[in-house]
């Protein structure tokens, strides 16, 4: 795990759970979420004038948690908690 992602996971108090690499049905949605987060953080952090990426992490996670899933037509937050944020 990269240092950036480790710092991000620690800040979000996230626990890593390993799954098999070749089981998309087990980790596809999570992998897409992580990819989206990493792309967003990387683009922001690579700009030399915006090194405060950790300050936008909460807003980024809020945006991801409240984005509607294409298959289930619900937000990830709703699927976990049973109510919208």
N, C-alpha and C. Protein backbone atom coordinates (compact mmCIF):
# COMPACT_ATOMS: atom_id res chain seq x y z
N UNK A 1 0.85 -1.17 0.00
CA UNK A 1 0.00 0.00 0.00
C UNK A 1 0.90 1.24 0.00
N UNK A 2 0.59 2.20 -0.84
CA UNK A 2 1.43 3.39 -0.93
C UNK A 2 1.33 4.23 0.34
N UNK A 3 2.32 5.07 0.55
CA UNK A 3 2.33 5.92 1.74
C UNK A 3 1.14 6.88 1.74
N UNK A 4 0.79 7.39 0.57
CA UNK A 4 -0.34 8.32 0.47
C UNK A 4 -1.62 7.62 0.90
N UNK A 5 -1.83 6.41 0.38
CA UNK A 5 -3.06 5.70 0.73
C UNK A 5 -3.06 5.27 2.19
N UNK A 6 -1.90 4.89 2.71
CA UNK A 6 -1.83 4.52 4.13
C UNK A 6 -2.20 5.71 5.01
N UNK A 7 -1.67 6.88 4.67
CA UNK A 7 -2.00 8.09 5.44
C UNK A 7 -3.48 8.42 5.32
N UNK A 8 -4.01 8.27 4.11
CA UNK A 8 -5.43 8.53 3.89
C UNK A 8 -6.30 7.54 4.67
N UNK A 9 -5.96 6.25 4.63
CA UNK A 9 -6.72 5.23 5.34
C UNK A 9 -6.65 5.45 6.85
N UNK A 10 -5.48 5.84 7.34
CA UNK A 10 -5.33 6.11 8.77
C UNK A 10 -6.18 7.31 9.18
N UNK A 11 -6.16 8.36 8.36
CA UNK A 11 -6.93 9.55 8.66
C UNK A 11 -8.44 9.24 8.68
N UNK A 12 -8.88 8.35 7.77
CA UNK A 12 -10.29 7.99 7.70
C UNK A 12 -10.65 6.87 8.67
N UNK A 13 -9.66 6.41 9.44
CA UNK A 13 -9.84 5.32 10.40
C UNK A 13 -10.43 4.09 9.70
N UNK A 14 -9.86 3.78 8.54
CA UNK A 14 -10.32 2.67 7.73
C UNK A 14 -9.50 1.42 8.02
N UNK A 15 -10.16 0.28 7.98
CA UNK A 15 -9.45 -0.99 8.14
C UNK A 15 -9.35 -1.66 6.77
N UNK A 16 -8.17 -2.13 6.43
CA UNK A 16 -7.98 -2.83 5.16
C UNK A 16 -8.44 -4.26 5.30
N UNK A 17 -9.12 -4.72 4.29
CA UNK A 17 -9.53 -6.12 4.24
C UNK A 17 -9.12 -6.67 2.89
N UNK A 18 -8.22 -7.60 2.91
CA UNK A 18 -7.72 -8.17 1.66
C UNK A 18 -8.71 -9.18 1.10
N UNK A 19 -8.87 -9.16 -0.21
CA UNK A 19 -9.65 -10.17 -0.91
C UNK A 19 -8.78 -10.68 -2.04
N UNK A 20 -9.20 -11.75 -2.67
CA UNK A 20 -8.43 -12.29 -3.79
C UNK A 20 -8.45 -11.29 -4.94
N UNK A 21 -7.33 -11.15 -5.62
CA UNK A 21 -7.23 -10.19 -6.70
C UNK A 21 -8.14 -10.50 -7.87
N UNK A 22 -8.41 -11.76 -8.11
CA UNK A 22 -9.15 -12.15 -9.31
C UNK A 22 -10.59 -12.54 -9.00
N UNK A 23 -11.20 -11.89 -8.04
CA UNK A 23 -12.61 -12.14 -7.72
C UNK A 23 -13.37 -10.82 -7.80
N UNK A 24 -13.69 -10.37 -9.01
CA UNK A 24 -14.36 -9.08 -9.13
C UNK A 24 -15.72 -9.04 -8.43
N UNK A 25 -16.40 -10.18 -8.32
CA UNK A 25 -17.68 -10.18 -7.62
C UNK A 25 -17.50 -9.92 -6.14
N UNK A 26 -16.31 -10.17 -5.60
CA UNK A 26 -16.07 -9.96 -4.17
C UNK A 26 -15.61 -8.54 -3.87
N UNK A 27 -14.86 -7.96 -4.77
CA UNK A 27 -14.29 -6.65 -4.44
C UNK A 27 -14.42 -5.60 -5.54
N UNK A 28 -15.23 -5.83 -6.52
CA UNK A 28 -15.34 -4.89 -7.64
C UNK A 28 -15.80 -3.50 -7.23
N UNK A 29 -16.87 -3.43 -6.45
CA UNK A 29 -17.38 -2.12 -6.05
C UNK A 29 -16.36 -1.39 -5.18
N UNK A 30 -15.76 -2.10 -4.25
CA UNK A 30 -14.76 -1.47 -3.38
C UNK A 30 -13.55 -1.01 -4.18
N UNK A 31 -13.11 -1.83 -5.12
CA UNK A 31 -11.96 -1.45 -5.94
C UNK A 31 -12.28 -0.19 -6.75
N UNK A 32 -13.48 -0.09 -7.28
CA UNK A 32 -13.86 1.12 -8.03
C UNK A 32 -13.88 2.34 -7.12
N UNK A 33 -14.37 2.17 -5.90
CA UNK A 33 -14.39 3.29 -4.95
C UNK A 33 -12.98 3.74 -4.61
N UNK A 34 -12.10 2.78 -4.34
CA UNK A 34 -10.71 3.12 -4.02
C UNK A 34 -10.05 3.79 -5.21
N UNK A 35 -10.31 3.29 -6.41
CA UNK A 35 -9.73 3.88 -7.61
C UNK A 35 -10.19 5.34 -7.77
N UNK A 36 -11.47 5.59 -7.54
CA UNK A 36 -12.00 6.94 -7.63
C UNK A 36 -11.35 7.86 -6.61
N UNK A 37 -11.23 7.39 -5.37
CA UNK A 37 -10.60 8.18 -4.32
C UNK A 37 -9.15 8.47 -4.68
N UNK A 38 -8.42 7.45 -5.09
CA UNK A 38 -7.00 7.64 -5.40
C UNK A 38 -6.80 8.58 -6.58
N UNK A 39 -7.63 8.47 -7.61
CA UNK A 39 -7.51 9.38 -8.75
C UNK A 39 -7.75 10.82 -8.30
N UNK A 40 -8.77 11.02 -7.50
CA UNK A 40 -9.09 12.37 -7.04
C UNK A 40 -7.99 12.95 -6.18
N UNK A 41 -7.49 12.16 -5.24
CA UNK A 41 -6.42 12.63 -4.35
C UNK A 41 -5.14 12.87 -5.14
N UNK A 42 -4.82 11.98 -6.06
CA UNK A 42 -3.59 12.11 -6.85
C UNK A 42 -3.61 13.38 -7.69
N UNK A 43 -4.71 13.64 -8.37
CA UNK A 43 -4.81 14.84 -9.20
C UNK A 43 -4.64 16.09 -8.35
N UNK A 44 -5.27 16.10 -7.20
CA UNK A 44 -5.19 17.27 -6.32
C UNK A 44 -3.79 17.42 -5.73
N UNK A 45 -3.20 16.31 -5.29
CA UNK A 45 -1.89 16.37 -4.61
C UNK A 45 -0.74 16.65 -5.57
N UNK A 46 -0.89 16.30 -6.84
CA UNK A 46 0.20 16.51 -7.80
C UNK A 46 0.37 17.99 -8.15
N UNK A 47 -0.64 18.79 -7.94
CA UNK A 47 -0.52 20.22 -8.19
C UNK A 47 0.33 20.82 -7.07
N UNK A 48 1.48 21.44 -7.39
CA UNK A 48 2.38 21.94 -6.35
C UNK A 48 1.76 23.01 -5.45
N UNK A 49 0.70 23.65 -5.89
CA UNK A 49 0.07 24.69 -5.08
C UNK A 49 -1.03 24.14 -4.17
N UNK A 50 -1.32 22.85 -4.26
CA UNK A 50 -2.42 22.28 -3.49
C UNK A 50 -1.98 21.03 -2.74
N UNK A 51 -1.05 21.17 -1.83
CA UNK A 51 -0.54 20.03 -1.07
C UNK A 51 -1.38 19.72 0.17
N UNK A 52 -2.47 20.41 0.36
CA UNK A 52 -3.33 20.19 1.52
C UNK A 52 -4.46 19.20 1.20
N UNK A 53 -4.12 18.12 0.46
CA UNK A 53 -5.13 17.16 0.02
C UNK A 53 -5.89 16.55 1.19
N UNK A 54 -5.24 16.45 2.33
CA UNK A 54 -5.90 15.83 3.48
C UNK A 54 -7.09 16.67 3.95
N UNK A 55 -7.08 17.95 3.65
CA UNK A 55 -8.19 18.81 4.06
C UNK A 55 -9.44 18.59 3.22
N UNK A 56 -9.29 18.04 2.01
CA UNK A 56 -10.47 17.78 1.18
C UNK A 56 -10.96 16.35 1.32
N UNK A 57 -10.27 15.52 2.08
CA UNK A 57 -10.63 14.10 2.18
C UNK A 57 -12.06 13.90 2.67
N UNK A 58 -12.47 14.64 3.66
CA UNK A 58 -13.82 14.48 4.20
C UNK A 58 -14.87 14.81 3.14
N UNK A 59 -14.65 15.88 2.39
CA UNK A 59 -15.59 16.25 1.33
C UNK A 59 -15.61 15.22 0.22
N UNK A 60 -14.43 14.68 -0.10
CA UNK A 60 -14.33 13.67 -1.14
C UNK A 60 -15.09 12.41 -0.75
N UNK A 61 -14.90 11.94 0.47
CA UNK A 61 -15.61 10.75 0.94
C UNK A 61 -17.11 11.00 0.99
N UNK A 62 -17.52 12.19 1.43
CA UNK A 62 -18.94 12.53 1.44
C UNK A 62 -19.52 12.44 0.02
N UNK A 63 -18.79 12.98 -0.96
CA UNK A 63 -19.26 12.94 -2.34
C UNK A 63 -19.38 11.51 -2.84
N UNK A 64 -18.40 10.67 -2.53
CA UNK A 64 -18.46 9.27 -2.96
C UNK A 64 -19.59 8.54 -2.26
N UNK A 65 -19.73 8.73 -0.96
CA UNK A 65 -20.79 8.05 -0.21
C UNK A 65 -22.18 8.46 -0.66
N UNK A 66 -22.30 9.62 -1.25
CA UNK A 66 -23.61 10.11 -1.67
C UNK A 66 -23.82 10.07 -3.17
N UNK A 67 -22.91 9.40 -3.89
CA UNK A 67 -23.09 9.21 -5.33
C UNK A 67 -23.95 7.96 -5.54
N UNK A 68 -24.88 8.04 -6.46
CA UNK A 68 -25.81 6.93 -6.66
C UNK A 68 -25.14 5.78 -7.40
N UNK A 69 -25.33 4.58 -6.89
CA UNK A 69 -24.81 3.36 -7.51
C UNK A 69 -25.61 3.08 -8.78
N UNK A 70 -24.91 2.78 -9.87
CA UNK A 70 -25.58 2.54 -11.14
C UNK A 70 -26.43 1.29 -11.16
N UNK A 71 -26.09 0.29 -10.39
CA UNK A 71 -26.82 -0.97 -10.38
C UNK A 71 -27.99 -0.94 -9.41
N UNK A 72 -27.72 -0.53 -8.19
CA UNK A 72 -28.74 -0.59 -7.14
C UNK A 72 -29.59 0.67 -7.04
N UNK A 73 -29.15 1.74 -7.70
CA UNK A 73 -29.85 3.03 -7.67
C UNK A 73 -29.96 3.60 -6.26
N UNK A 74 -29.00 3.28 -5.43
CA UNK A 74 -28.92 3.81 -4.06
C UNK A 74 -27.51 4.31 -3.83
N UNK A 75 -27.33 5.12 -2.80
CA UNK A 75 -26.00 5.60 -2.45
C UNK A 75 -25.30 4.57 -1.58
N UNK A 76 -23.96 4.51 -1.62
CA UNK A 76 -23.23 3.59 -0.73
C UNK A 76 -23.56 3.84 0.74
N UNK A 77 -23.74 5.10 1.11
CA UNK A 77 -24.07 5.42 2.50
C UNK A 77 -25.41 4.80 2.89
N UNK A 78 -26.40 4.90 2.01
CA UNK A 78 -27.71 4.33 2.29
C UNK A 78 -27.62 2.81 2.41
N UNK A 79 -26.85 2.18 1.54
CA UNK A 79 -26.73 0.72 1.58
C UNK A 79 -26.08 0.23 2.87
N UNK A 80 -25.20 1.02 3.44
CA UNK A 80 -24.54 0.64 4.69
C UNK A 80 -25.41 0.98 5.90
N UNK A 81 -25.99 2.19 5.90
CA UNK A 81 -26.66 2.69 7.10
C UNK A 81 -28.19 2.63 7.07
N UNK A 82 -28.77 2.51 5.88
CA UNK A 82 -30.22 2.45 5.78
C UNK A 82 -30.91 3.80 5.75
N UNK A 83 -30.16 4.86 5.67
CA UNK A 83 -30.71 6.21 5.55
C UNK A 83 -29.71 7.09 4.81
N UNK A 84 -30.19 8.14 4.16
CA UNK A 84 -29.32 9.03 3.41
C UNK A 84 -28.69 10.08 4.31
N UNK A 85 -27.48 10.46 3.96
CA UNK A 85 -26.75 11.48 4.74
C UNK A 85 -27.26 12.85 4.40
